[in-house]
N, C-alpha and C. Protein backbone atom coordinates (compact mmCIF):
# COMPACT_ATOMS: atom_id res chain seq x y z
N MET A 1 0.85 -1.18 0.00
CA MET A 1 0.00 0.00 0.00
C MET A 1 0.89 1.23 0.00
N VAL A 2 0.57 2.19 -0.83
CA VAL A 2 1.31 3.44 -0.96
C VAL A 2 0.42 4.58 -0.48
N ILE A 3 0.97 5.49 0.32
CA ILE A 3 0.22 6.66 0.74
C ILE A 3 0.78 7.85 -0.01
N LEU A 4 -0.06 8.51 -0.78
CA LEU A 4 0.36 9.63 -1.59
C LEU A 4 -0.58 10.79 -1.32
N PHE A 5 -0.03 11.91 -0.85
CA PHE A 5 -0.82 13.10 -0.54
C PHE A 5 -1.96 12.78 0.44
N GLY A 6 -1.68 11.91 1.41
CA GLY A 6 -2.65 11.59 2.44
C GLY A 6 -3.71 10.59 2.02
N LYS A 7 -3.66 10.08 0.81
CA LYS A 7 -4.64 9.11 0.32
C LYS A 7 -3.97 7.75 0.17
N LYS A 8 -4.67 6.71 0.56
CA LYS A 8 -4.14 5.36 0.42
C LYS A 8 -4.33 4.89 -1.02
N LYS A 9 -3.29 4.37 -1.59
CA LYS A 9 -3.35 3.83 -2.95
C LYS A 9 -3.02 2.34 -2.88
N GLU A 10 -3.93 1.52 -3.34
CA GLU A 10 -3.73 0.09 -3.34
C GLU A 10 -2.92 -0.36 -4.56
N THR A 11 -2.97 0.43 -5.63
CA THR A 11 -2.29 0.05 -6.86
C THR A 11 -0.94 0.74 -6.96
N VAL A 12 -0.05 0.12 -7.68
CA VAL A 12 1.29 0.67 -7.91
C VAL A 12 1.25 1.44 -9.22
N PRO A 13 1.86 2.62 -9.29
CA PRO A 13 1.84 3.37 -10.55
C PRO A 13 2.71 2.71 -11.62
N ALA A 14 2.35 2.91 -12.87
CA ALA A 14 3.18 2.48 -14.00
C ALA A 14 4.26 3.55 -14.19
N ILE A 15 5.52 3.14 -14.27
CA ILE A 15 6.63 4.07 -14.38
C ILE A 15 7.05 4.18 -15.85
N TYR A 16 7.18 5.41 -16.33
CA TYR A 16 7.55 5.67 -17.73
C TYR A 16 8.81 6.52 -17.80
N THR A 17 9.53 6.36 -18.91
CA THR A 17 10.71 7.15 -19.23
C THR A 17 10.43 7.93 -20.51
N VAL A 18 10.79 9.20 -20.53
CA VAL A 18 10.64 10.02 -21.73
C VAL A 18 12.04 10.28 -22.28
N GLU A 19 12.25 9.90 -23.54
CA GLU A 19 13.52 10.16 -24.22
C GLU A 19 13.31 11.28 -25.23
N THR A 20 14.25 12.22 -25.27
CA THR A 20 14.17 13.36 -26.19
C THR A 20 15.39 13.33 -27.11
N CYS A 21 15.15 13.53 -28.40
CA CYS A 21 16.24 13.60 -29.38
C CYS A 21 16.92 14.96 -29.23
N THR A 22 18.23 14.97 -29.06
CA THR A 22 18.96 16.23 -28.91
C THR A 22 19.13 16.95 -30.25
N ALA A 23 18.88 16.24 -31.37
CA ALA A 23 19.02 16.87 -32.68
C ALA A 23 17.73 17.56 -33.12
N CYS A 24 16.58 16.84 -33.01
CA CYS A 24 15.33 17.41 -33.54
C CYS A 24 14.29 17.72 -32.46
N GLY A 25 14.50 17.25 -31.22
CA GLY A 25 13.58 17.54 -30.13
C GLY A 25 12.39 16.60 -30.03
N ASP A 26 12.34 15.56 -30.85
CA ASP A 26 11.24 14.60 -30.81
C ASP A 26 11.26 13.86 -29.47
N LYS A 27 10.08 13.61 -28.88
CA LYS A 27 9.98 12.93 -27.59
C LYS A 27 9.29 11.59 -27.76
N VAL A 28 9.81 10.57 -27.05
CA VAL A 28 9.27 9.22 -27.10
C VAL A 28 9.08 8.75 -25.66
N ARG A 29 7.86 8.25 -25.35
CA ARG A 29 7.59 7.69 -24.03
C ARG A 29 7.68 6.18 -24.11
N ARG A 30 8.35 5.57 -23.15
CA ARG A 30 8.47 4.12 -23.09
C ARG A 30 8.40 3.67 -21.64
N VAL A 31 8.26 2.38 -21.43
CA VAL A 31 8.23 1.82 -20.08
C VAL A 31 9.62 1.95 -19.46
N PHE A 32 9.66 2.32 -18.19
CA PHE A 32 10.92 2.48 -17.46
C PHE A 32 11.68 1.17 -17.43
N GLU A 33 12.99 1.26 -17.64
CA GLU A 33 13.88 0.10 -17.53
C GLU A 33 14.85 0.37 -16.39
N GLU A 34 15.18 -0.67 -15.62
CA GLU A 34 16.12 -0.50 -14.53
C GLU A 34 17.44 0.04 -15.08
N GLY A 35 17.98 1.04 -14.42
CA GLY A 35 19.21 1.67 -14.88
C GLY A 35 18.97 3.01 -15.56
N ASP A 36 17.70 3.33 -15.88
CA ASP A 36 17.37 4.63 -16.48
C ASP A 36 17.58 5.74 -15.46
N TYR A 37 18.10 6.85 -15.89
CA TYR A 37 18.20 8.06 -15.08
C TYR A 37 18.20 9.26 -16.00
N VAL A 38 17.78 10.41 -15.48
CA VAL A 38 17.68 11.63 -16.27
C VAL A 38 19.07 12.01 -16.79
N PHE A 39 19.15 12.41 -18.03
CA PHE A 39 20.35 12.77 -18.79
C PHE A 39 21.14 11.56 -19.28
N LEU A 40 20.59 10.34 -19.15
CA LEU A 40 21.24 9.15 -19.69
C LEU A 40 21.15 9.17 -21.20
N SER A 41 22.26 8.95 -21.87
CA SER A 41 22.29 8.83 -23.33
C SER A 41 22.75 7.42 -23.67
N LYS A 42 21.86 6.65 -24.30
CA LYS A 42 22.22 5.29 -24.69
C LYS A 42 22.76 5.33 -26.11
N GLY A 43 23.88 4.69 -26.34
CA GLY A 43 24.52 4.70 -27.65
C GLY A 43 23.74 3.98 -28.73
N GLU A 44 22.90 3.00 -28.34
CA GLU A 44 22.19 2.23 -29.35
C GLU A 44 20.85 2.83 -29.75
N SER A 45 20.44 3.92 -29.11
CA SER A 45 19.15 4.54 -29.41
C SER A 45 19.22 5.36 -30.69
N LEU A 46 18.24 5.16 -31.56
CA LEU A 46 18.13 5.94 -32.79
C LEU A 46 16.83 6.73 -32.74
N CYS A 47 16.86 7.96 -33.21
CA CYS A 47 15.66 8.78 -33.30
C CYS A 47 14.82 8.28 -34.47
N LYS A 48 13.53 8.01 -34.21
CA LYS A 48 12.65 7.53 -35.27
C LYS A 48 12.21 8.66 -36.19
N ASN A 49 12.34 9.90 -35.74
CA ASN A 49 11.91 11.05 -36.54
C ASN A 49 13.00 11.48 -37.53
N CYS A 50 14.22 11.71 -37.03
CA CYS A 50 15.28 12.22 -37.90
C CYS A 50 16.35 11.18 -38.25
N GLY A 51 16.33 10.02 -37.56
CA GLY A 51 17.28 8.96 -37.87
C GLY A 51 18.67 9.19 -37.31
N SER A 52 18.85 10.24 -36.53
CA SER A 52 20.16 10.54 -35.95
C SER A 52 20.51 9.48 -34.91
N SER A 53 21.76 9.09 -34.88
CA SER A 53 22.18 8.05 -33.93
C SER A 53 22.78 8.66 -32.67
N SER A 54 22.62 7.96 -31.58
CA SER A 54 23.17 8.29 -30.25
C SER A 54 22.81 9.71 -29.79
N THR A 55 21.60 10.16 -30.13
CA THR A 55 21.19 11.49 -29.68
C THR A 55 19.99 11.43 -28.74
N MET A 56 19.46 10.24 -28.47
CA MET A 56 18.31 10.12 -27.58
C MET A 56 18.80 10.19 -26.13
N MET A 57 18.21 11.12 -25.37
CA MET A 57 18.61 11.34 -23.99
C MET A 57 17.36 11.27 -23.11
N VAL A 58 17.47 10.60 -21.95
CA VAL A 58 16.36 10.53 -21.01
C VAL A 58 16.13 11.92 -20.43
N SER A 59 14.93 12.46 -20.63
CA SER A 59 14.63 13.81 -20.16
C SER A 59 13.67 13.82 -18.98
N ALA A 60 12.92 12.71 -18.76
CA ALA A 60 11.99 12.66 -17.63
C ALA A 60 11.68 11.22 -17.28
N ILE A 61 11.39 11.00 -15.99
CA ILE A 61 10.93 9.72 -15.49
C ILE A 61 9.76 10.03 -14.56
N TYR A 62 8.62 9.37 -14.78
CA TYR A 62 7.45 9.67 -13.97
C TYR A 62 6.55 8.45 -13.85
N GLY A 63 5.62 8.51 -12.91
CA GLY A 63 4.67 7.43 -12.71
C GLY A 63 3.26 7.90 -12.94
N GLU A 64 2.41 7.00 -13.41
CA GLU A 64 0.99 7.29 -13.63
C GLU A 64 0.17 6.20 -12.98
N TYR A 65 -0.82 6.62 -12.19
CA TYR A 65 -1.76 5.65 -11.64
C TYR A 65 -2.82 5.37 -12.68
N PRO A 66 -3.29 4.13 -12.76
CA PRO A 66 -4.39 3.83 -13.68
C PRO A 66 -5.64 4.58 -13.23
N PRO A 67 -6.56 4.89 -14.14
CA PRO A 67 -7.77 5.60 -13.74
C PRO A 67 -8.57 4.77 -12.74
N GLU A 68 -9.19 5.46 -11.78
CA GLU A 68 -9.98 4.75 -10.78
C GLU A 68 -11.24 4.17 -11.41
N LYS A 69 -11.59 2.96 -11.02
CA LYS A 69 -12.73 2.27 -11.60
C LYS A 69 -14.06 2.88 -11.18
N ASN A 70 -14.11 3.47 -9.98
CA ASN A 70 -15.38 4.02 -9.50
C ASN A 70 -15.53 5.49 -9.81
N ALA A 71 -14.66 6.03 -10.65
CA ALA A 71 -14.76 7.45 -11.01
C ALA A 71 -15.96 7.66 -11.95
N ALA A 72 -16.66 8.76 -11.74
CA ALA A 72 -17.83 9.07 -12.57
C ALA A 72 -17.38 9.48 -13.96
N PRO A 73 -18.06 9.01 -15.00
CA PRO A 73 -17.67 9.41 -16.36
C PRO A 73 -17.92 10.90 -16.59
N SER A 74 -16.99 11.52 -17.29
CA SER A 74 -17.16 12.96 -17.57
C SER A 74 -18.10 13.15 -18.75
N THR A 75 -18.85 14.21 -18.68
CA THR A 75 -19.81 14.49 -19.77
C THR A 75 -19.45 15.71 -20.53
């Protein structure tokens, strides 16, 4: 059980990593991998937008809780 902002959370958030191309600025979100940290540049990463090699850098790591099942639908 996780307590966040005074509320009990039974579910664990999904952790994501955002990689940004230093050449063209394109951003890609992927599932967090152990060893990821902000400003990490992996040599094998290629930008899918511009094709530049070794320019993808981790720019953010964050978690998202799944939507609550009992939440009222928005109209």
